[in-house]
Amino acid sequence: MILADVIGTVVSPSLQVPALDGRKLLVVRPVQPAGAPVGPKPRIAVDTIGAGVGDRVLVIDEGNSGRQILGAQDAPVKTLIVGFVDEVELGGERVYNHGGEA
């Protein structure tokens, strides 16, 4: 599971995968707990929680877990958004707080 910031949306009017029909696709950028970007590239994730641009989220980036959550064992799915992050604390120090300053 990874932390990520939602940085964009993907619009595809001709999605051909039944397991993704009606599901929102979002662009996520993996981040360190305090918010610094990690890795070279953003990813496209299937939204399962109603997230939007600007949210910090928990992401599963492993195909089997994603397919189990969607209940679609044959779906070509790897990355799913599965939770919102309200706060991150490291070593007793709050490094991220959704409602205000860390």
PDB file of N, CA and C in Angstrom:
ATOM      1  N   MET A   1       0.854  -1.169   0.000  1.00  0.00           N
ATOM      2  CA  MET A   1       0.000   0.000   0.000  1.00  0.00           C
ATOM      3  C   MET A   1       0.900   1.232   0.000  1.00  0.00           C
ATOM      4  N   ILE A   2       0.503   2.256  -0.741  1.00  0.00           N
ATOM      5  CA  ILE A   2       1.305   3.468  -0.821  1.00  0.00           C
ATOM      6  C   ILE A   2       0.443   4.699  -0.559  1.00  0.00           C
ATOM      7  N   LEU A   3       1.108   5.782  -0.163  1.00  0.00           N
ATOM      8  CA  LEU A   3       0.456   7.084  -0.053  1.00  0.00           C
ATOM      9  C   LEU A   3       0.577   7.776  -1.396  1.00  0.00           C
ATOM     10  N   ALA A   4      -0.455   8.515  -1.788  1.00  0.00           N
ATOM     11  CA  ALA A   4      -0.400   9.246  -3.050  1.00  0.00           C
ATOM     12  C   ALA A   4      -1.308  10.465  -2.972  1.00  0.00           C
ATOM     13  N   ASP A   5      -0.986  11.452  -3.785  1.00  0.00           N
ATOM     14  CA  ASP A   5      -1.844  12.619  -3.967  1.00  0.00           C
ATOM     15  C   ASP A   5      -2.565  12.484  -5.291  1.00  0.00           C
ATOM     16  N   VAL A   6      -3.850  12.791  -5.301  1.00  0.00           N
ATOM     17  CA  VAL A   6      -4.617  12.788  -6.545  1.00  0.00           C
ATOM     18  C   VAL A   6      -4.313  14.102  -7.261  1.00  0.00           C
ATOM     19  N   ILE A   7      -3.797  13.986  -8.496  1.00  0.00           N
ATOM     20  CA  ILE A   7      -3.380  15.185  -9.229  1.00  0.00           C
ATOM     21  C   ILE A   7      -4.149  15.404 -10.521  1.00  0.00           C
ATOM     22  N   GLY A   8      -5.044  14.497 -10.884  1.00  0.00           N
ATOM     23  CA  GLY A   8      -5.793  14.697 -12.115  1.00  0.00           C
ATOM     24  C   GLY A   8      -6.843  13.620 -12.322  1.00  0.00           C
ATOM     25  N   THR A   9      -7.610  13.787 -13.374  1.00  0.00           N
ATOM     26  CA  THR A   9      -8.646  12.818 -13.734  1.00  0.00           C
ATOM     27  C   THR A   9      -8.392  12.312 -15.150  1.00  0.00           C
ATOM     28  N   VAL A  10      -8.945  11.151 -15.454  1.00  0.00           N
ATOM     29  CA  VAL A  10      -8.848  10.570 -16.784  1.00  0.00           C
ATOM     30  C   VAL A  10     -10.267  10.408 -17.302  1.00  0.00           C
ATOM     31  N   VAL A  11     -10.508  10.897 -18.497  1.00  0.00           N
ATOM     32  CA  VAL A  11     -11.825  10.764 -19.114  1.00  0.00           C
ATOM     33  C   VAL A  11     -11.691   9.864 -20.330  1.00  0.00           C
ATOM     34  N   SER A  12     -12.464   8.795 -20.352  1.00  0.00           N
ATOM     35  CA  SER A  12     -12.440   7.858 -21.470  1.00  0.00           C
ATOM     36  C   SER A  12     -13.865   7.450 -21.799  1.00  0.00           C
ATOM     37  N   PRO A  13     -14.470   8.089 -22.805  1.00  0.00           N
ATOM     38  CA  PRO A  13     -15.864   7.784 -23.126  1.00  0.00           C
ATOM     39  C   PRO A  13     -16.065   6.399 -23.743  1.00  0.00           C
ATOM     40  N   SER A  14     -14.993   5.740 -24.153  1.00  0.00           N
ATOM     41  CA  SER A  14     -15.151   4.446 -24.826  1.00  0.00           C
ATOM     42  C   SER A  14     -14.430   3.324 -24.094  1.00  0.00           C
ATOM     43  N   LEU A  15     -14.535   3.289 -22.766  1.00  0.00           N
ATOM     44  CA  LEU A  15     -13.892   2.248 -21.969  1.00  0.00           C
ATOM     45  C   LEU A  15     -14.465   0.891 -22.361  1.00  0.00           C
ATOM     46  N   GLN A  16     -13.602  -0.064 -22.660  1.00  0.00           N
ATOM     47  CA  GLN A  16     -14.030  -1.358 -23.182  1.00  0.00           C
ATOM     48  C   GLN A  16     -13.957  -2.492 -22.159  1.00  0.00           C
ATOM     49  N   VAL A  17     -13.682  -2.178 -20.907  1.00  0.00           N
ATOM     50  CA  VAL A  17     -13.536  -3.202 -19.876  1.00  0.00           C
ATOM     51  C   VAL A  17     -14.762  -3.164 -18.965  1.00  0.00           C
ATOM     52  N   PRO A  18     -15.599  -4.197 -18.998  1.00  0.00           N
ATOM     53  CA  PRO A  18     -16.833  -4.191 -18.211  1.00  0.00           C
ATOM     54  C   PRO A  18     -16.615  -3.934 -16.713  1.00  0.00           C
ATOM     55  N   ALA A  19     -15.535  -4.451 -16.133  1.00  0.00           N
ATOM     56  CA  ALA A  19     -15.285  -4.261 -14.698  1.00  0.00           C
ATOM     57  C   ALA A  19     -15.030  -2.800 -14.344  1.00  0.00           C
ATOM     58  N   LEU A  20     -14.676  -1.987 -15.335  1.00  0.00           N
ATOM     59  CA  LEU A  20     -14.404  -0.573 -15.087  1.00  0.00           C
ATOM     60  C   LEU A  20     -15.568   0.326 -15.490  1.00  0.00           C
ATOM     61  N   ASP A  21     -16.613  -0.245 -16.012  1.00  0.00           N
ATOM     62  CA  ASP A  21     -17.762   0.532 -16.461  1.00  0.00           C
ATOM     63  C   ASP A  21     -18.349   1.329 -15.295  1.00  0.00           C
ATOM     64  N   GLY A  22     -18.444   2.647 -15.468  1.00  0.00           N
ATOM     65  CA  GLY A  22     -19.011   3.513 -14.450  1.00  0.00           C
ATOM     66  C   GLY A  22     -18.051   3.901 -13.340  1.00  0.00           C
ATOM     67  N   ARG A  23     -16.816   3.470 -13.422  1.00  0.00           N
ATOM     68  CA  ARG A  23     -15.830   3.798 -12.388  1.00  0.00           C
ATOM     69  C   ARG A  23     -14.975   4.973 -12.835  1.00  0.00           C
ATOM     70  N   LYS A  24     -14.617   5.829 -11.873  1.00  0.00           N
ATOM     71  CA  LYS A  24     -13.790   6.994 -12.147  1.00  0.00           C
ATOM     72  C   LYS A  24     -12.322   6.585 -12.127  1.00  0.00           C
ATOM     73  N   LEU A  25     -11.560   7.119 -13.076  1.00  0.00           N
ATOM     74  CA  LEU A  25     -10.118   6.902 -13.126  1.00  0.00           C
ATOM     75  C   LEU A  25      -9.428   8.211 -12.742  1.00  0.00           C
ATOM     76  N   LEU A  26      -8.450   8.122 -11.849  1.00  0.00           N
ATOM     77  CA  LEU A  26      -7.740   9.305 -11.366  1.00  0.00           C
ATOM     78  C   LEU A  26      -6.237   9.139 -11.550  1.00  0.00           C
ATOM     79  N   VAL A  27      -5.549  10.248 -11.747  1.00  0.00           N
ATOM     80  CA  VAL A  27      -4.098  10.244 -11.823  1.00  0.00           C
ATOM     81  C   VAL A  27      -3.569  10.494 -10.410  1.00  0.00           C
ATOM     82  N   VAL A  28      -2.725   9.580  -9.929  1.00  0.00           N
ATOM     83  CA  VAL A  28      -2.159   9.710  -8.588  1.00  0.00           C
ATOM     84  C   VAL A  28      -0.639   9.772  -8.666  1.00  0.00           C
ATOM     85  N   ARG A  29      -0.053  10.551  -7.755  1.00  0.00           N
ATOM     86  CA  ARG A  29       1.404  10.680  -7.663  1.00  0.00           C
ATOM     87  C   ARG A  29       1.822  10.154  -6.290  1.00  0.00           C
ATOM     88  N   PRO A  30       2.607   9.058  -6.256  1.00  0.00           N
ATOM     89  CA  PRO A  30       3.084   8.544  -4.973  1.00  0.00           C
ATOM     90  C   PRO A  30       3.892   9.610  -4.231  1.00  0.00           C
ATOM     91  N   VAL A  31       3.705   9.664  -2.902  1.00  0.00           N
ATOM     92  CA  VAL A  31       4.394  10.654  -2.077  1.00  0.00           C
ATOM     93  C   VAL A  31       4.960   9.999  -0.826  1.00  0.00           C
ATOM     94  N   GLN A  32       5.974  10.662  -0.250  1.00  0.00           N
ATOM     95  CA  GLN A  32       6.481  10.283   1.059  1.00  0.00           C
ATOM     96  C   GLN A  32       5.464  10.748   2.098  1.00  0.00           C
ATOM     97  N   PRO A  33       5.573  10.276   3.340  1.00  0.00           N
ATOM     98  CA  PRO A  33       4.591  10.671   4.354  1.00  0.00           C
ATOM     99  C   PRO A  33       4.400  12.181   4.512  1.00  0.00           C
ATOM    100  N   ALA A  34       5.463  12.959   4.361  1.00  0.00           N
ATOM    101  CA  ALA A  34       5.341  14.411   4.499  1.00  0.00           C
ATOM    102  C   ALA A  34       4.897  15.088   3.206  1.00  0.00           C
ATOM    103  N   GLY A  35       4.804  14.343   2.097  1.00  0.00           N
ATOM    104  CA  GLY A  35       4.260  14.893   0.862  1.00  0.00           C
ATOM    105  C   GLY A  35       5.209  15.064  -0.294  1.00  0.00           C
ATOM    106  N   ALA A  36       6.505  14.819  -0.109  1.00  0.00           N
ATOM    107  CA  ALA A  36       7.448  14.934  -1.223  1.00  0.00           C
ATOM    108  C   ALA A  36       7.187  13.815  -2.232  1.00  0.00           C
ATOM    109  N   PRO A  37       7.172  14.128  -3.532  1.00  0.00           N
ATOM    110  CA  PRO A  37       6.932  13.097  -4.553  1.00  0.00           C
ATOM    111  C   PRO A  37       7.964  11.973  -4.486  1.00  0.00           C
ATOM    112  N   VAL A  38       7.513  10.762  -4.821  1.00  0.00           N
ATOM    113  CA  VAL A  38       8.365   9.572  -4.856  1.00  0.00           C
ATOM    114  C   VAL A  38       8.260   8.967  -6.249  1.00  0.00           C
ATOM    115  N   GLY A  39       9.373   8.616  -6.812  1.00  0.00           N
ATOM    116  CA  GLY A  39       9.358   7.938  -8.103  1.00  0.00           C
ATOM    117  C   GLY A  39       9.184   8.897  -9.263  1.00  0.00           C
ATOM    118  N   PRO A  40       9.445   8.384 -10.448  1.00  0.00           N
ATOM    119  CA  PRO A  40       9.474   9.244 -11.626  1.00  0.00           C
ATOM    120  C   PRO A  40       8.124   9.513 -12.281  1.00  0.00           C
ATOM    121  N   LYS A  41       7.138   8.640 -12.087  1.00  0.00           N
ATOM    122  CA  LYS A  41       5.917   8.761 -12.879  1.00  0.00           C
ATOM    123  C   LYS A  41       4.648   8.638 -12.041  1.00  0.00           C
ATOM    124  N   PRO A  42       3.650   9.448 -12.368  1.00  0.00           N
ATOM    125  CA  PRO A  42       2.319   9.246 -11.779  1.00  0.00           C
ATOM    126  C   PRO A  42       1.704   7.954 -12.320  1.00  0.00           C
ATOM    127  N   ARG A  43       0.612   7.540 -11.710  1.00  0.00           N
ATOM    128  CA  ARG A  43      -0.090   6.317 -12.122  1.00  0.00           C
ATOM    129  C   ARG A  43      -1.565   6.627 -12.291  1.00  0.00           C
ATOM    130  N   ILE A  44      -2.232   5.788 -13.044  1.00  0.00           N
ATOM    131  CA  ILE A  44      -3.680   5.886 -13.167  1.00  0.00           C
ATOM    132  C   ILE A  44      -4.280   4.842 -12.239  1.00  0.00           C
ATOM    133  N   ALA A  45      -5.235   5.276 -11.403  1.00  0.00           N
ATOM    134  CA  ALA A  45      -5.840   4.385 -10.423  1.00  0.00           C
ATOM    135  C   ALA A  45      -7.354   4.406 -10.554  1.00  0.00           C
ATOM    136  N   VAL A  46      -7.968   3.264 -10.275  1.00  0.00           N
ATOM    137  CA  VAL A  46      -9.417   3.151 -10.230  1.00  0.00           C
ATOM    138  C   VAL A  46      -9.866   3.672  -8.865  1.00  0.00           C
ATOM    139  N   ASP A  47     -10.792   4.618  -8.863  1.00  0.00           N
ATOM    140  CA  ASP A  47     -11.293   5.200  -7.618  1.00  0.00           C
ATOM    141  C   ASP A  47     -12.415   4.338  -7.063  1.00  0.00           C
ATOM    142  N   THR A  48     -12.274   3.897  -5.819  1.00  0.00           N
ATOM    143  CA  THR A  48     -13.335   3.105  -5.184  1.00  0.00           C
ATOM    144  C   THR A  48     -13.968   3.838  -4.011  1.00  0.00           C
ATOM    145  N   ILE A  49     -13.539   5.099  -3.740  1.00  0.00           N
ATOM    146  CA  ILE A  49     -13.993   5.790  -2.534  1.00  0.00           C
ATOM    147  C   ILE A  49     -14.586   7.172  -2.770  1.00  0.00           C
ATOM    148  N   GLY A  50     -14.557   7.670  -3.993  1.00  0.00           N
ATOM    149  CA  GLY A  50     -15.070   9.008  -4.257  1.00  0.00           C
ATOM    150  C   GLY A  50     -14.039  10.099  -4.051  1.00  0.00           C
ATOM    151  N   ALA A  51     -12.785   9.795  -4.309  1.00  0.00           N
ATOM    152  CA  ALA A  51     -11.705  10.775  -4.148  1.00  0.00           C
ATOM    153  C   ALA A  51     -11.736  11.794  -5.282  1.00  0.00           C
ATOM    154  N   GLY A  52     -10.979  12.871  -5.091  1.00  0.00           N
ATOM    155  CA  GLY A  52     -10.888  13.900  -6.113  1.00  0.00           C
ATOM    156  C   GLY A  52      -9.537  14.581  -6.076  1.00  0.00           C
ATOM    157  N   VAL A  53      -9.299  15.447  -7.031  1.00  0.00           N
ATOM    158  CA  VAL A  53      -8.034  16.166  -7.124  1.00  0.00           C
ATOM    159  C   VAL A  53      -7.771  16.911  -5.815  1.00  0.00           C
ATOM    160  N   GLY A  54      -6.551  16.779  -5.313  1.00  0.00           N
ATOM    161  CA  GLY A  54      -6.161  17.426  -4.063  1.00  0.00           C
ATOM    162  C   GLY A  54      -6.210  16.521  -2.848  1.00  0.00           C
ATOM    163  N   ASP A  55      -6.850  15.361  -2.960  1.00  0.00           N
ATOM    164  CA  ASP A  55      -6.927  14.436  -1.828  1.00  0.00           C
ATOM    165  C   ASP A  55      -5.638  13.640  -1.696  1.00  0.00           C
ATOM    166  N   ARG A  56      -5.257  13.334  -0.463  1.00  0.00           N
ATOM    167  CA  ARG A  56      -4.191  12.359  -0.210  1.00  0.00           C
ATOM    168  C   ARG A  56      -4.894  11.047   0.095  1.00  0.00           C
ATOM    169  N   VAL A  57      -4.429   9.982  -0.559  1.00  0.00           N
ATOM    170  CA  VAL A  57      -5.143   8.717  -0.503  1.00  0.00           C
ATOM    171  C   VAL A  57      -4.199   7.543  -0.258  1.00  0.00           C
ATOM    172  N   LEU A  58      -4.803   6.415   0.139  1.00  0.00           N
ATOM    173  CA  LEU A  58      -4.107   5.137   0.210  1.00  0.00           C
ATOM    174  C   LEU A  58      -4.381   4.389  -1.083  1.00  0.00           C
ATOM    175  N   VAL A  59      -3.333   3.836  -1.654  1.00  0.00           N
ATOM    176  CA  VAL A  59      -3.437   3.175  -2.948  1.00  0.00           C
ATOM    177  C   VAL A  59      -2.890   1.762  -2.840  1.00  0.00           C
ATOM    178  N   ILE A  60      -3.635   0.824  -3.392  1.00  0.00           N
ATOM    179  CA  ILE A  60      -3.130  -0.535  -3.561  1.00  0.00           C
ATOM    180  C   ILE A  60      -2.582  -0.604  -4.974  1.00  0.00           C
ATOM    181  N   ASP A  61      -1.342  -1.073  -5.112  1.00  0.00           N
ATOM    182  CA  ASP A  61      -0.703  -1.140  -6.421  1.00  0.00           C
ATOM    183  C   ASP A  61      -0.256  -2.576  -6.695  1.00  0.00           C
ATOM    184  N   GLU A  62      -1.214  -3.480  -6.598  1.00  0.00           N
ATOM    185  CA  GLU A  62      -0.936  -4.899  -6.788  1.00  0.00           C
ATOM    186  C   GLU A  62      -2.189  -5.525  -7.384  1.00  0.00           C
ATOM    187  N   GLY A  63      -2.066  -6.083  -8.545  1.00  0.00           N
ATOM    188  CA  GLY A  63      -3.212  -6.534  -9.324  1.00  0.00           C
ATOM    189  C   GLY A  63      -4.186  -7.467  -8.635  1.00  0.00           C
ATOM    190  N   ASN A  64      -3.702  -8.508  -7.966  1.00  0.00           N
ATOM    191  CA  ASN A  64      -4.606  -9.475  -7.366  1.00  0.00           C
ATOM    192  C   ASN A  64      -5.503  -8.832  -6.318  1.00  0.00           C
ATOM    193  N   SER A  65      -4.936  -7.994  -5.465  1.00  0.00           N
ATOM    194  CA  SER A  65      -5.745  -7.307  -4.447  1.00  0.00           C
ATOM    195  C   SER A  65      -6.795  -6.428  -5.108  1.00  0.00           C
ATOM    196  N   GLY A  66      -6.406  -5.696  -6.137  1.00  0.00           N
ATOM    197  CA  GLY A  66      -7.338  -4.835  -6.850  1.00  0.00           C
ATOM    198  C   GLY A  66      -8.487  -5.602  -7.474  1.00  0.00           C
ATOM    199  N   ARG A  67      -8.174  -6.719  -8.098  1.00  0.00           N
ATOM    200  CA  ARG A  67      -9.230  -7.528  -8.718  1.00  0.00           C
ATOM    201  C   ARG A  67     -10.173  -8.098  -7.666  1.00  0.00           C
ATOM    202  N   GLN A  68      -9.643  -8.472  -6.505  1.00  0.00           N
ATOM    203  CA  GLN A  68     -10.498  -8.984  -5.437  1.00  0.00           C
ATOM    204  C   GLN A  68     -11.446  -7.897  -4.932  1.00  0.00           C
ATOM    205  N   ILE A  69     -10.931  -6.683  -4.765  1.00  0.00           N
ATOM    206  CA  ILE A  69     -11.779  -5.586  -4.295  1.00  0.00           C
ATOM    207  C   ILE A  69     -12.897  -5.310  -5.287  1.00  0.00           C
ATOM    208  N   LEU A  70     -12.575  -5.325  -6.580  1.00  0.00           N
ATOM    209  CA  LEU A  70     -13.590  -5.071  -7.606  1.00  0.00           C
ATOM    210  C   LEU A  70     -14.489  -6.277  -7.847  1.00  0.00           C
ATOM    211  N   GLY A  71     -14.070  -7.451  -7.373  1.00  0.00           N
ATOM    212  CA  GLY A  71     -14.845  -8.663  -7.625  1.00  0.00           C
ATOM    213  C   GLY A  71     -14.818  -9.059  -9.088  1.00  0.00           C
ATOM    214  N   ALA A  72     -13.706  -8.785  -9.752  1.00  0.00           N
ATOM    215  CA  ALA A  72     -13.572  -9.073 -11.180  1.00  0.00           C
ATOM    216  C   ALA A  72     -12.212  -9.707 -11.423  1.00  0.00           C
ATOM    217  N   GLN A  73     -12.147 -11.013 -11.343  1.00  0.00           N
ATOM    218  CA  GLN A  73     -10.872 -11.718 -11.409  1.00  0.00           C
ATOM    219  C   GLN A  73     -10.166 -11.614 -12.763  1.00  0.00           C
ATOM    220  N   ASP A  74     -10.894 -11.290 -13.821  1.00  0.00           N
ATOM    221  CA  ASP A  74     -10.274 -11.191 -15.142  1.00  0.00           C
ATOM    222  C   ASP A  74     -10.009  -9.753 -15.564  1.00  0.00           C
ATOM    223  N   ALA A  75     -10.249  -8.796 -14.696  1.00  0.00           N
ATOM    224  CA  ALA A  75     -10.088  -7.377 -15.052  1.00  0.00           C
ATOM    225  C   ALA A  75      -8.606  -7.007 -15.127  1.00  0.00           C
ATOM    226  N   PRO A  76      -8.231  -6.211 -16.121  1.00  0.00           N
ATOM    227  CA  PRO A  76      -6.844  -5.752 -16.224  1.00  0.00           C
ATOM    228  C   PRO A  76      -6.604  -4.552 -15.298  1.00  0.00           C
ATOM    229  N   VAL A  77      -6.599  -4.822 -14.002  1.00  0.00           N
ATOM    230  CA  VAL A  77      -6.522  -3.766 -12.994  1.00  0.00           C
ATOM    231  C   VAL A  77      -5.298  -4.004 -12.125  1.00  0.00           C
ATOM    232  N   LYS A  78      -4.565  -2.925 -11.831  1.00  0.00           N
ATOM    233  CA  LYS A  78      -3.414  -3.031 -10.935  1.00  0.00           C
ATOM    234  C   LYS A  78      -3.501  -2.050  -9.778  1.00  0.00           C
ATOM    235  N   THR A  79      -3.968  -0.832 -10.033  1.00  0.00           N
ATOM    236  CA  THR A  79      -3.874   0.241  -9.046  1.00  0.00           C
ATOM    237  C   THR A  79      -5.264   0.746  -8.672  1.00  0.00           C
ATOM    238  N   LEU A  80      -5.584   0.694  -7.369  1.00  0.00           N
ATOM    239  CA  LEU A  80      -6.877   1.157  -6.864  1.00  0.00           C
ATOM    240  C   LEU A  80      -6.688   2.106  -5.696  1.00  0.00           C
ATOM    241  N   ILE A  81      -7.534   3.124  -5.651  1.00  0.00           N
ATOM    242  CA  ILE A  81      -7.599   4.006  -4.485  1.00  0.00           C
ATOM    243  C   ILE A  81      -8.577   3.376  -3.508  1.00  0.00           C
ATOM    244  N   VAL A  82      -8.100   3.139  -2.260  1.00  0.00           N
ATOM    245  CA  VAL A  82      -8.929   2.411  -1.302  1.00  0.00           C
ATOM    246  C   VAL A  82      -9.211   3.166  -0.008  1.00  0.00           C
ATOM    247  N   GLY A  83      -8.609   4.339   0.189  1.00  0.00           N
ATOM    248  CA  GLY A  83      -8.875   5.064   1.423  1.00  0.00           C
ATOM    249  C   GLY A  83      -8.357   6.495   1.393  1.00  0.00           C
ATOM    250  N   PHE A  84      -9.006   7.355   2.187  1.00  0.00           N
ATOM    251  CA  PHE A  84      -8.545   8.731   2.374  1.00  0.00           C
ATOM    252  C   PHE A  84      -7.531   8.768   3.508  1.00  0.00           C
ATOM    253  N   VAL A  85      -6.591   9.715   3.448  1.00  0.00           N
ATOM    254  CA  VAL A  85      -5.628   9.927   4.532  1.00  0.00           C
ATOM    255  C   VAL A  85      -5.977  11.245   5.200  1.00  0.00           C
ATOM    256  N   ASP A  86      -6.288  11.195   6.486  1.00  0.00           N
ATOM    257  CA  ASP A  86      -6.592  12.403   7.246  1.00  0.00           C
ATOM    258  C   ASP A  86      -5.347  12.976   7.911  1.00  0.00           C
ATOM    259  N   GLU A  87      -4.463  12.080   8.355  1.00  0.00           N
ATOM    260  CA  GLU A  87      -3.310  12.532   9.120  1.00  0.00           C
ATOM    261  C   GLU A  87      -2.212  11.484   9.042  1.00  0.00           C
ATOM    262  N   VAL A  88      -0.949  11.947   9.028  1.00  0.00           N
ATOM    263  CA  VAL A  88       0.208  11.051   9.087  1.00  0.00           C
ATOM    264  C   VAL A  88       1.099  11.528  10.220  1.00  0.00           C
ATOM    265  N   GLU A  89       1.487  10.597  11.080  1.00  0.00           N
ATOM    266  CA  GLU A  89       2.375  10.910  12.200  1.00  0.00           C
ATOM    267  C   GLU A  89       3.596  10.000  12.123  1.00  0.00           C
ATOM    268  N   LEU A  90       4.776  10.585  12.248  1.00  0.00           N
ATOM    269  CA  LEU A  90       6.032   9.833  12.256  1.00  0.00           C
ATOM    270  C   LEU A  90       6.831  10.208  13.489  1.00  0.00           C
ATOM    271  N   GLY A  91       7.180   9.229  14.288  1.00  0.00           N
ATOM    272  CA  GLY A  91       7.995   9.485  15.477  1.00  0.00           C
ATOM    273  C   GLY A  91       7.386  10.501  16.419  1.00  0.00           C
ATOM    274  N   GLY A  92       6.083  10.495  16.536  1.00  0.00           N
ATOM    275  CA  GLY A  92       5.407  11.420  17.434  1.00  0.00           C
ATOM    276  C   GLY A  92       5.169  12.799  16.847  1.00  0.00           C
ATOM    277  N   GLU A  93       5.590  13.023  15.604  1.00  0.00           N
ATOM    278  CA  GLU A  93       5.400  14.326  14.965  1.00  0.00           C
ATOM    279  C   GLU A  93       4.403  14.215  13.806  1.00  0.00           C
ATOM    280  N   ARG A  94       3.431  15.099  13.807  1.00  0.00           N
ATOM    281  CA  ARG A  94       2.451  15.122  12.721  1.00  0.00           C
ATOM    282  C   ARG A  94       3.114  15.744  11.488  1.00  0.00           C
ATOM    283  N   VAL A  95       3.224  14.947  10.393  1.00  0.00           N
ATOM    284  CA  VAL A  95       3.866  15.430   9.179  1.00  0.00           C
ATOM    285  C   VAL A  95       2.859  15.753   8.079  1.00  0.00           C
ATOM    286  N   TYR A  96       1.609  15.327   8.286  1.00  0.00           N
ATOM    287  CA  TYR A  96       0.537  15.655   7.344  1.00  0.00           C
ATOM    288  C   TYR A  96      -0.774  15.703   8.101  1.00  0.00           C
ATOM    289  N   ASN A  97      -1.562  16.750   7.816  1.00  0.00           N
ATOM    290  CA  ASN A  97      -2.877  16.889   8.410  1.00  0.00           C
ATOM    291  C   ASN A  97      -3.788  17.449   7.347  1.00  0.00           C
ATOM    292  N   HIS A  98      -4.758  16.687   6.938  1.00  0.00           N
ATOM    293  CA  HIS A  98      -5.660  17.109   5.872  1.00  0.00           C
ATOM    294  C   HIS A  98      -6.389  18.397   6.211  1.00  0.00           C
ATOM    295  N   GLY A  99      -6.718  18.587   7.458  1.00  0.00           N
ATOM    296  CA  GLY A  99      -7.490  19.751   7.854  1.00  0.00           C
ATOM    297  C   GLY A  99      -6.693  21.018   8.111  1.00  0.00           C
ATOM    298  N   GLY A 100      -5.376  20.957   8.002  1.00  0.00           N
ATOM    299  CA  GLY A 100      -4.577  22.146   8.286  1.00  0.00           C
ATOM    300  C   GLY A 100      -3.103  21.882   8.111  1.00  0.00           C
ATOM    301  N   GLU A 101      -2.327  22.691   8.762  1.00  0.00           N
ATOM    302  CA  GLU A 101      -0.867  22.583   8.656  1.00  0.00           C
ATOM    303  C   GLU A 101      -0.354  21.359   9.407  1.00  0.00           C
ATOM    304  N   ALA A 102       0.715  20.782   8.895  1.00  0.00           N
ATOM    305  CA  ALA A 102       1.357  19.635   9.556  1.00  0.00           C
ATOM    306  C   ALA A 102       2.189  20.130  10.728  1.00  0.00           C
TER     307      ALA A 102
END
